[in-house]
Amino acid sequence: MKKIAILTTNIGNSGGTERVVSFVANNFSKKNDVTVYSMVKASISTFYELDSKISIRYLNLYQYEHEKRVIFKSIKKVWNTISFFCKVKNIDADVIIGTSKSINIYLSLLSFFSKKKIIGCEHFAHNAPMSKFIKKIRLVAYKRLDRLIVLTLFDYNYYKSKGIKTEIIPNAIPFQINQRPEHRAKIILAVGRHSIQKRFDLLLRIWLKARLYEHGWQLKIIGDGELFDRNKSLAIDLGIAESVFFEPPTKNIVDEYLNASFFVLTSEYEALPMVLIESMYCGLPCIAFDCDTGPRDIIEDNVDGFIVPFGNIELFSQKMILLSNNDVRLKEMSTSAVLNISRFSAQNIYEKWNGLIRDIYE
């Protein structure tokens, strides 16, 4: 039995990273002593369910993302760095797992003073937008990790070429279902934070272009975020508000997947989006804009979904119209989606994690 500490930014969040944290923690807790450390105090204990054997601790660092005063933001950053290091160096664990870029960088400092095994997880593609300075710091820091876990071959090749000890462990299907419905509602589903990355503004313009609401279809967008109100206002301005439903994050997301007919993703960049894995497991064909990583690692184009060049609103709307008008094609793609996504089964991914822990101790 190992003592495993998993560090995340905010365990109360409802994003894909937090879902992965819950999966890794729950599976490791079967044979190990697991503690989850949240950098900030969550407004709720956890959004995703954690096994009762898992302990949750809070480091109570400052949240400074929305701090507009530069001097106060700088002070909070410095204080967080000092406070983080002082608290984390005393964690009683054999293995410490970081789950964000900033946490991984902080943990790299610990490697100078501790013999604990340190694993960093990257949930974003290496070329996601960030300053050149941070990119340089990241590369230097990641060379101190015992392992860096990435989600795709694209990122593996990049970090490996930089001399970083890297492994690919993709996200796993985080739940199980026994039956998928024969008949589904005329709902097209999107799930994610209302942020610039997700480009729900483009999705709303695609929805206007496709005009599927004239045939009884609805678009449902589930998520919160800083652009929530702006996107709702855009739907009103475009005259499509009556057919677009904006809903907050839900713990019953599986029910939403099982009720919808197909899934759409309009992100400008991704790593390996959980929402595609989850929706395809529930039998939803997916239409997604192409990115360097993400959709093309999951979707087999024209088999279980469609991959559209980023920003091509016309082609994206055509694919939506195609699926909405062709029940036979929709069901064929649904069957293919379930078969294709089985490679992300929880058992397969858990075995990769167990193998990693064994390897770093050899």
Protein backbone atom coordinates (compact mmCIF):
# COMPACT_ATOMS: atom_id res chain seq x y z
CA MET A 1 0.00 0.00 0.00
CA LYS A 2 1.27 3.46 -0.97
CA LYS A 3 0.36 6.83 0.46
CA ILE A 4 -0.78 8.90 -2.51
CA ALA A 5 -1.47 12.65 -2.45
CA ILE A 6 -3.35 14.25 -5.35
CA LEU A 7 -3.16 18.04 -5.64
CA THR A 8 -5.80 19.98 -7.56
CA THR A 9 -6.79 23.63 -7.82
CA ASN A 10 -10.38 23.44 -6.58
CA ILE A 11 -11.98 20.08 -5.85
CA GLY A 12 -15.40 21.76 -5.84
CA ASN A 13 -15.19 22.65 -9.55
CA SER A 14 -17.25 20.77 -12.13
CA GLY A 15 -14.71 20.58 -14.96
CA GLY A 16 -12.98 17.74 -16.74
CA THR A 17 -9.85 17.99 -14.59
CA GLU A 18 -11.88 17.50 -11.42
CA ARG A 19 -13.65 14.51 -12.93
CA VAL A 20 -10.27 12.95 -13.73
CA VAL A 21 -9.08 13.67 -10.17
CA SER A 22 -12.12 11.85 -8.79
CA PHE A 23 -11.51 8.87 -11.09
CA VAL A 24 -7.82 8.55 -10.20
CA ALA A 25 -8.46 9.04 -6.48
CA ASN A 26 -11.34 6.56 -6.34
CA ASN A 27 -9.40 3.86 -8.18
CA PHE A 28 -6.19 4.30 -6.21
CA SER A 29 -8.15 4.24 -2.94
CA LYS A 30 -9.04 0.57 -3.52
CA LYS A 31 -5.52 -0.50 -2.53
CA ASN A 32 -3.84 2.68 -1.29
CA ASP A 33 -4.15 5.47 1.25
CA VAL A 34 -5.31 8.49 -0.78
CA THR A 35 -5.62 12.16 0.18
CA VAL A 36 -6.84 14.90 -2.16
CA TYR A 37 -5.43 18.38 -1.51
CA SER A 38 -7.35 21.37 -2.89
CA MET A 39 -5.39 24.59 -3.34
CA VAL A 40 -8.41 26.70 -2.44
CA LYS A 41 -11.40 26.13 -0.21
CA ALA A 42 -14.30 24.85 -2.29
CA SER A 43 -17.79 26.31 -1.98
CA ILE A 44 -18.96 22.69 -1.89
CA SER A 45 -16.91 19.75 -0.63
CA THR A 46 -16.74 18.01 -4.02
CA PHE A 47 -18.74 18.20 -7.22
CA TYR A 48 -17.87 14.64 -8.23
CA GLU A 49 -18.28 11.82 -5.74
CA LEU A 50 -15.23 10.59 -3.85
CA ASP A 51 -14.97 7.31 -1.94
CA SER A 52 -15.51 7.70 1.80
CA LYS A 53 -11.98 6.35 2.41
CA ILE A 54 -10.44 9.37 0.68
CA SER A 55 -9.40 12.32 2.84
CA ILE A 56 -9.80 15.90 1.59
CA ARG A 57 -7.50 18.68 2.79
CA TYR A 58 -7.41 22.37 1.89
CA LEU A 59 -4.23 24.42 1.52
CA ASN A 60 -6.26 27.67 1.61
CA LEU A 61 -4.21 29.57 -0.96
CA TYR A 62 -5.36 32.90 -2.37
CA GLN A 63 -7.47 33.06 -5.51
CA TYR A 64 -6.06 35.88 -7.61
CA GLU A 65 -7.32 35.18 -11.15
CA HIS A 66 -9.88 38.00 -10.97
CA GLU A 67 -7.68 40.42 -9.00
CA LYS A 68 -7.38 43.56 -11.16
CA ARG A 69 -4.90 45.45 -8.96
CA VAL A 70 -1.47 44.41 -10.25
CA ILE A 71 0.42 44.92 -7.01
CA PHE A 72 -2.07 42.89 -4.96
CA LYS A 73 -2.10 40.16 -7.58
CA SER A 74 1.70 39.98 -7.48
CA ILE A 75 1.74 39.84 -3.68
CA LYS A 76 -0.80 37.01 -3.67
CA LYS A 77 1.23 35.06 -6.24
CA VAL A 78 4.40 35.34 -4.16
CA TRP A 79 2.55 34.44 -0.96
CA ASN A 80 0.94 31.43 -2.65
CA THR A 81 4.34 30.16 -3.80
CA ILE A 82 5.83 30.41 -0.32
CA SER A 83 2.74 29.04 1.40
CA PHE A 84 2.40 26.16 -1.07
CA PHE A 85 5.98 25.05 -0.62
CA CYS A 86 5.84 25.26 3.18
CA LYS A 87 2.66 23.18 3.32
CA VAL A 88 3.39 20.62 0.62
CA LYS A 89 6.87 19.71 1.85
CA ASN A 90 5.23 18.36 5.03
CA ILE A 91 2.71 16.15 3.22
CA ASP A 92 3.07 12.55 4.35
CA ALA A 93 3.00 10.67 1.03
CA ASP A 94 5.06 8.30 -1.07
CA VAL A 95 3.73 9.75 -4.32
CA ILE A 96 2.47 13.27 -5.02
CA ILE A 97 0.41 13.86 -8.17
CA GLY A 98 -0.09 17.38 -9.54
CA THR A 99 -3.00 18.09 -11.85
CA SER A 100 -2.31 21.53 -13.34
CA LYS A 101 0.57 23.42 -14.92
CA SER A 102 1.07 25.75 -11.95
CA ILE A 103 0.89 22.92 -9.40
CA ASN A 104 3.35 20.85 -11.43
CA ILE A 105 5.80 23.76 -11.55
CA TYR A 106 5.52 24.28 -7.79
CA LEU A 107 6.03 20.56 -7.19
CA SER A 108 9.21 20.57 -9.26
CA LEU A 109 10.81 22.74 -6.55
CA LEU A 110 10.02 20.06 -4.00
CA SER A 111 12.22 17.61 -5.89
CA PHE A 112 15.33 19.48 -4.69
CA PHE A 113 14.52 18.74 -1.04
CA SER A 114 12.44 15.57 -1.00
CA LYS A 115 12.70 11.95 -2.08
CA LYS A 116 8.96 11.71 -2.66
CA LYS A 117 8.00 10.56 -6.15
CA ILE A 118 6.43 13.44 -8.05
CA ILE A 119 4.10 12.99 -11.02
CA GLY A 120 2.71 15.89 -13.03
CA CYS A 121 -0.45 15.66 -15.15
CA GLU A 122 -1.01 17.97 -18.12
CA HIS A 123 -4.66 18.41 -19.06
CA PHE A 124 -3.97 20.94 -21.82
CA ALA A 125 -2.07 20.67 -25.09
CA HIS A 126 1.49 21.98 -24.91
CA ASN A 127 0.69 24.70 -27.45
CA ALA A 128 -2.32 26.08 -25.57
CA PRO A 129 -2.09 29.90 -25.28
CA MET A 130 0.40 31.13 -22.65
CA SER A 131 3.38 33.48 -22.45
CA LYS A 132 6.80 32.45 -23.79
CA PHE A 133 8.23 32.98 -20.30
CA ILE A 134 5.81 30.49 -18.72
CA LYS A 135 6.54 27.98 -21.49
CA LYS A 136 10.26 28.17 -20.71
CA ILE A 137 9.66 27.83 -16.96
CA ARG A 138 7.40 24.85 -17.62
CA LEU A 139 10.06 22.98 -19.60
CA VAL A 140 12.73 23.55 -16.95
CA ALA A 141 10.36 22.51 -14.16
CA TYR A 142 9.02 19.40 -15.88
CA LYS A 143 12.53 17.96 -16.18
CA ARG A 144 12.50 17.67 -12.37
CA LEU A 145 9.39 15.45 -12.33
CA ASP A 146 9.65 11.68 -11.97
CA ARG A 147 7.01 11.45 -14.70
CA LEU A 148 4.88 13.79 -16.75
CA ILE A 149 1.51 12.37 -17.80
CA VAL A 150 0.02 13.66 -21.05
CA LEU A 151 -3.15 12.75 -22.88
CA THR A 152 -2.08 12.50 -26.52
CA LEU A 153 0.76 11.35 -28.77
CA PHE A 154 1.10 14.93 -30.04
CA ASP A 155 2.08 16.13 -26.55
CA TYR A 156 4.10 13.00 -25.77
CA ASN A 157 6.36 13.57 -28.78
CA TYR A 158 6.87 17.22 -27.85
CA TYR A 159 7.82 16.70 -24.20
CA LYS A 160 9.87 13.59 -24.95
CA SER A 161 11.93 15.59 -27.46
CA LYS A 162 12.72 18.05 -24.66
CA GLY A 163 14.23 15.34 -22.47
CA ILE A 164 11.25 15.05 -20.12
CA LYS A 165 10.24 11.62 -18.76
CA THR A 166 6.78 11.36 -20.30
CA GLU A 167 3.97 8.80 -20.43
CA ILE A 168 0.60 8.77 -22.20
CA ILE A 169 -2.37 7.96 -19.98
CA PRO A 170 -5.64 9.17 -21.51
CA ASN A 171 -8.74 10.06 -19.59
CA ALA A 172 -11.05 7.18 -18.73
CA ILE A 173 -14.79 6.72 -19.04
CA PRO A 174 -15.74 7.84 -15.51
CA PHE A 175 -19.05 6.00 -15.16
CA GLN A 176 -20.88 2.87 -16.28
CA ILE A 177 -24.26 2.47 -17.92
CA ASN A 178 -26.09 -0.75 -18.64
CA GLN A 179 -28.53 0.34 -21.32
CA ARG A 180 -28.83 3.07 -23.92
CA PRO A 181 -32.23 4.31 -25.10
CA GLU A 182 -33.70 3.31 -28.44
CA HIS A 183 -35.44 6.66 -28.84
CA ARG A 184 -34.00 10.04 -27.98
CA ALA A 185 -35.26 13.60 -27.82
CA LYS A 186 -34.58 16.07 -30.62
CA ILE A 187 -31.84 17.69 -28.56
CA ILE A 188 -28.32 18.62 -29.63
CA LEU A 189 -26.05 18.83 -26.60
CA ALA A 190 -22.95 20.86 -25.74
CA VAL A 191 -21.20 20.75 -22.36
CA GLY A 192 -18.41 22.98 -21.07
CA ARG A 193 -17.41 26.24 -19.43
CA HIS A 194 -18.56 29.47 -21.01
CA SER A 195 -15.04 30.64 -21.84
CA ILE A 196 -13.22 31.94 -24.90
CA GLN A 197 -11.73 28.48 -25.45
CA LYS A 198 -15.10 26.76 -25.95
CA ARG A 199 -16.36 29.25 -28.57
CA PHE A 200 -20.03 28.87 -27.81
CA ASP A 201 -20.46 32.11 -29.75
CA LEU A 202 -19.63 30.16 -32.90
CA LEU A 203 -22.01 27.38 -31.87
CA LEU A 204 -24.86 29.88 -31.61
CA ARG A 205 -24.10 31.19 -35.09
CA ILE A 206 -23.97 27.62 -36.40
CA TRP A 207 -27.35 26.98 -34.80
CA LEU A 208 -28.76 30.03 -36.56
CA LYS A 209 -27.28 28.85 -39.86
CA ALA A 210 -28.66 25.31 -39.57
CA ARG A 211 -32.14 26.51 -38.56
CA LEU A 212 -32.97 23.13 -37.05
CA TYR A 213 -35.26 24.87 -34.57
CA GLU A 214 -37.71 25.21 -37.45
CA HIS A 215 -38.04 21.41 -37.36
CA GLY A 216 -38.54 20.99 -33.63
CA TRP A 217 -34.90 20.60 -32.57
CA GLN A 218 -33.41 22.23 -29.48
CA LEU A 219 -29.85 23.17 -28.56
CA LYS A 220 -28.88 22.62 -24.93
CA ILE A 221 -25.67 24.10 -23.51
CA ILE A 222 -24.71 22.91 -20.02
CA GLY A 223 -22.04 24.78 -18.08
CA ASP A 224 -21.12 27.93 -16.21
CA GLY A 225 -18.33 30.45 -16.68
CA GLU A 226 -17.44 34.06 -17.22
CA LEU A 227 -19.13 34.33 -20.64
CA PHE A 228 -22.42 32.76 -19.58
CA ASP A 229 -24.40 36.02 -19.64
CA ARG A 230 -22.73 37.21 -22.84
CA ASN A 231 -23.67 34.01 -24.67
CA LYS A 232 -27.27 34.22 -23.43
CA SER A 233 -27.43 37.78 -24.70
CA LEU A 234 -26.01 36.71 -28.06
CA ALA A 235 -28.73 34.07 -28.41
CA ILE A 236 -31.32 36.80 -27.84
CA ASP A 237 -29.64 39.13 -30.35
CA LEU A 238 -29.57 36.36 -32.97
CA GLY A 239 -33.28 35.63 -32.42
CA ILE A 240 -32.73 32.00 -31.39
CA ALA A 241 -33.24 32.24 -27.62
CA GLU A 242 -36.47 30.23 -27.64
CA SER A 243 -34.69 27.14 -28.99
CA VAL A 244 -31.44 27.41 -26.99
CA PHE A 245 -31.40 26.27 -23.37
CA PHE A 246 -28.58 27.40 -21.08
CA GLU A 247 -28.31 25.23 -18.00
CA PRO A 248 -25.83 25.09 -15.08
CA PRO A 249 -23.51 22.13 -14.43
CA THR A 250 -25.35 19.06 -13.23
CA LYS A 251 -24.35 15.93 -11.37
CA ASN A 252 -26.88 14.07 -13.53
CA ILE A 253 -24.95 14.67 -16.74
CA VAL A 254 -25.36 11.02 -17.78
CA ASP A 255 -29.12 11.56 -18.03
CA GLU A 256 -28.49 14.51 -20.33
CA TYR A 257 -26.24 12.44 -22.59
CA LEU A 258 -28.77 9.62 -22.76
CA ASN A 259 -31.60 12.00 -23.63
CA ALA A 260 -29.84 13.86 -26.46
CA SER A 261 -29.45 12.75 -30.09
CA PHE A 262 -25.92 13.95 -30.79
CA PHE A 263 -23.15 16.09 -29.31
CA VAL A 264 -21.30 19.17 -30.58
CA LEU A 265 -17.92 20.66 -29.62
CA THR A 266 -16.78 24.03 -30.97
CA SER A 267 -13.59 24.54 -28.92
CA GLU A 268 -10.66 26.42 -30.42
CA TYR A 269 -8.23 24.14 -28.57
CA GLU A 270 -8.48 21.07 -26.35
CA ALA A 271 -6.29 18.34 -24.88
CA LEU A 272 -8.42 15.20 -24.65
CA PRO A 273 -11.94 16.44 -23.86
CA MET A 274 -13.80 14.31 -21.34
CA VAL A 275 -17.13 15.41 -22.79
CA LEU A 276 -16.39 13.64 -26.08
CA ILE A 277 -15.42 10.42 -24.32
CA GLU A 278 -18.47 10.55 -22.05
CA SER A 279 -20.97 11.43 -24.77
CA MET A 280 -19.72 8.77 -27.19
CA TYR A 281 -19.85 6.14 -24.45
CA CYS A 282 -23.51 7.10 -24.04
CA GLY A 283 -24.05 6.52 -27.75
CA LEU A 284 -23.89 10.07 -29.10
CA PRO A 285 -22.27 10.76 -32.46
CA CYS A 286 -20.13 13.90 -32.17
CA ILE A 287 -19.45 16.85 -34.43
CA ALA A 288 -16.36 18.84 -33.47
CA PHE A 289 -14.07 21.51 -34.78
CA ASP A 290 -10.58 20.19 -35.45
CA CYS A 291 -7.75 21.06 -33.04
CA ASP A 292 -4.12 19.99 -32.84
CA THR A 293 -5.23 17.52 -30.16
CA GLY A 294 -8.52 16.22 -28.87
CA PRO A 295 -11.27 15.51 -31.39
CA ARG A 296 -9.04 13.69 -33.88
CA ASP A 297 -7.71 11.49 -31.03
CA ILE A 298 -11.24 10.36 -30.19
CA ILE A 299 -13.56 10.73 -33.19
CA GLU A 300 -13.18 8.59 -36.31
CA ASP A 301 -14.34 10.99 -39.00
CA ASN A 302 -17.43 9.86 -40.92
CA VAL A 303 -17.69 6.73 -38.75
CA ASP A 304 -18.79 7.85 -35.28
CA GLY A 305 -18.89 11.58 -35.90
CA PHE A 306 -17.52 14.42 -37.98
CA ILE A 307 -14.41 16.57 -37.65
CA VAL A 308 -14.78 20.02 -39.21
CA PRO A 309 -11.97 22.54 -39.92
CA PHE A 310 -12.02 25.15 -37.19
CA GLY A 311 -14.26 28.11 -37.93
CA ASN A 312 -16.09 26.53 -40.89
CA ILE A 313 -19.60 27.41 -39.77
CA GLU A 314 -21.13 26.39 -43.10
CA LEU A 315 -19.75 22.83 -43.04
CA PHE A 316 -20.49 22.38 -39.34
CA SER A 317 -24.13 23.35 -39.88
CA GLN A 318 -24.35 20.95 -42.85
CA LYS A 319 -23.18 18.05 -40.65
CA MET A 320 -25.78 18.94 -38.03
CA ILE A 321 -28.48 18.99 -40.69
CA LEU A 322 -27.26 15.63 -42.05
CA LEU A 323 -27.55 13.88 -38.67
CA SER A 324 -30.87 15.49 -37.83
CA ASN A 325 -32.41 14.34 -41.13
CA ASN A 326 -31.03 10.79 -41.31
CA ASP A 327 -32.14 8.43 -38.54
CA VAL A 328 -30.34 5.44 -40.09
CA ARG A 329 -27.01 7.28 -40.25
CA LEU A 330 -27.53 8.60 -36.73
CA LYS A 331 -28.08 5.10 -35.31
CA GLU A 332 -25.13 3.64 -37.24
CA MET A 333 -22.84 6.32 -35.87
CA SER A 334 -24.25 5.83 -32.39
CA THR A 335 -23.34 2.13 -32.47
CA SER A 336 -19.86 2.92 -33.81
CA ALA A 337 -19.31 5.53 -31.09
CA VAL A 338 -19.92 3.01 -28.30
CA LEU A 339 -17.59 0.43 -29.88
CA ASN A 340 -14.83 2.94 -30.61
CA ILE A 341 -14.76 4.49 -27.15
CA SER A 342 -14.28 1.19 -25.31
CA ARG A 343 -10.51 1.73 -25.48
CA PHE A 344 -10.98 4.36 -22.78
CA SER A 345 -12.53 1.90 -20.32
CA ALA A 346 -11.82 2.50 -16.64
CA GLN A 347 -10.08 -0.86 -16.29
CA ASN A 348 -7.67 -0.15 -19.15
CA ILE A 349 -6.74 3.27 -17.80
CA TYR A 350 -6.47 2.12 -14.19
CA GLU A 351 -3.99 -0.57 -15.26
CA LYS A 352 -1.87 2.12 -16.93
CA TRP A 353 -1.80 4.13 -13.70
CA ASN A 354 -0.87 1.09 -11.63
CA GLY A 355 1.89 0.25 -14.09
CA LEU A 356 3.23 3.79 -13.81
CA ILE A 357 3.44 3.64 -10.01
CA ARG A 358 5.30 0.33 -10.24
CA ASP A 359 7.72 1.68 -12.84
CA ILE A 360 8.81 4.76 -10.90
CA TYR A 361 9.76 2.55 -7.94
CA GLU A 362 11.89 0.18 -10.02
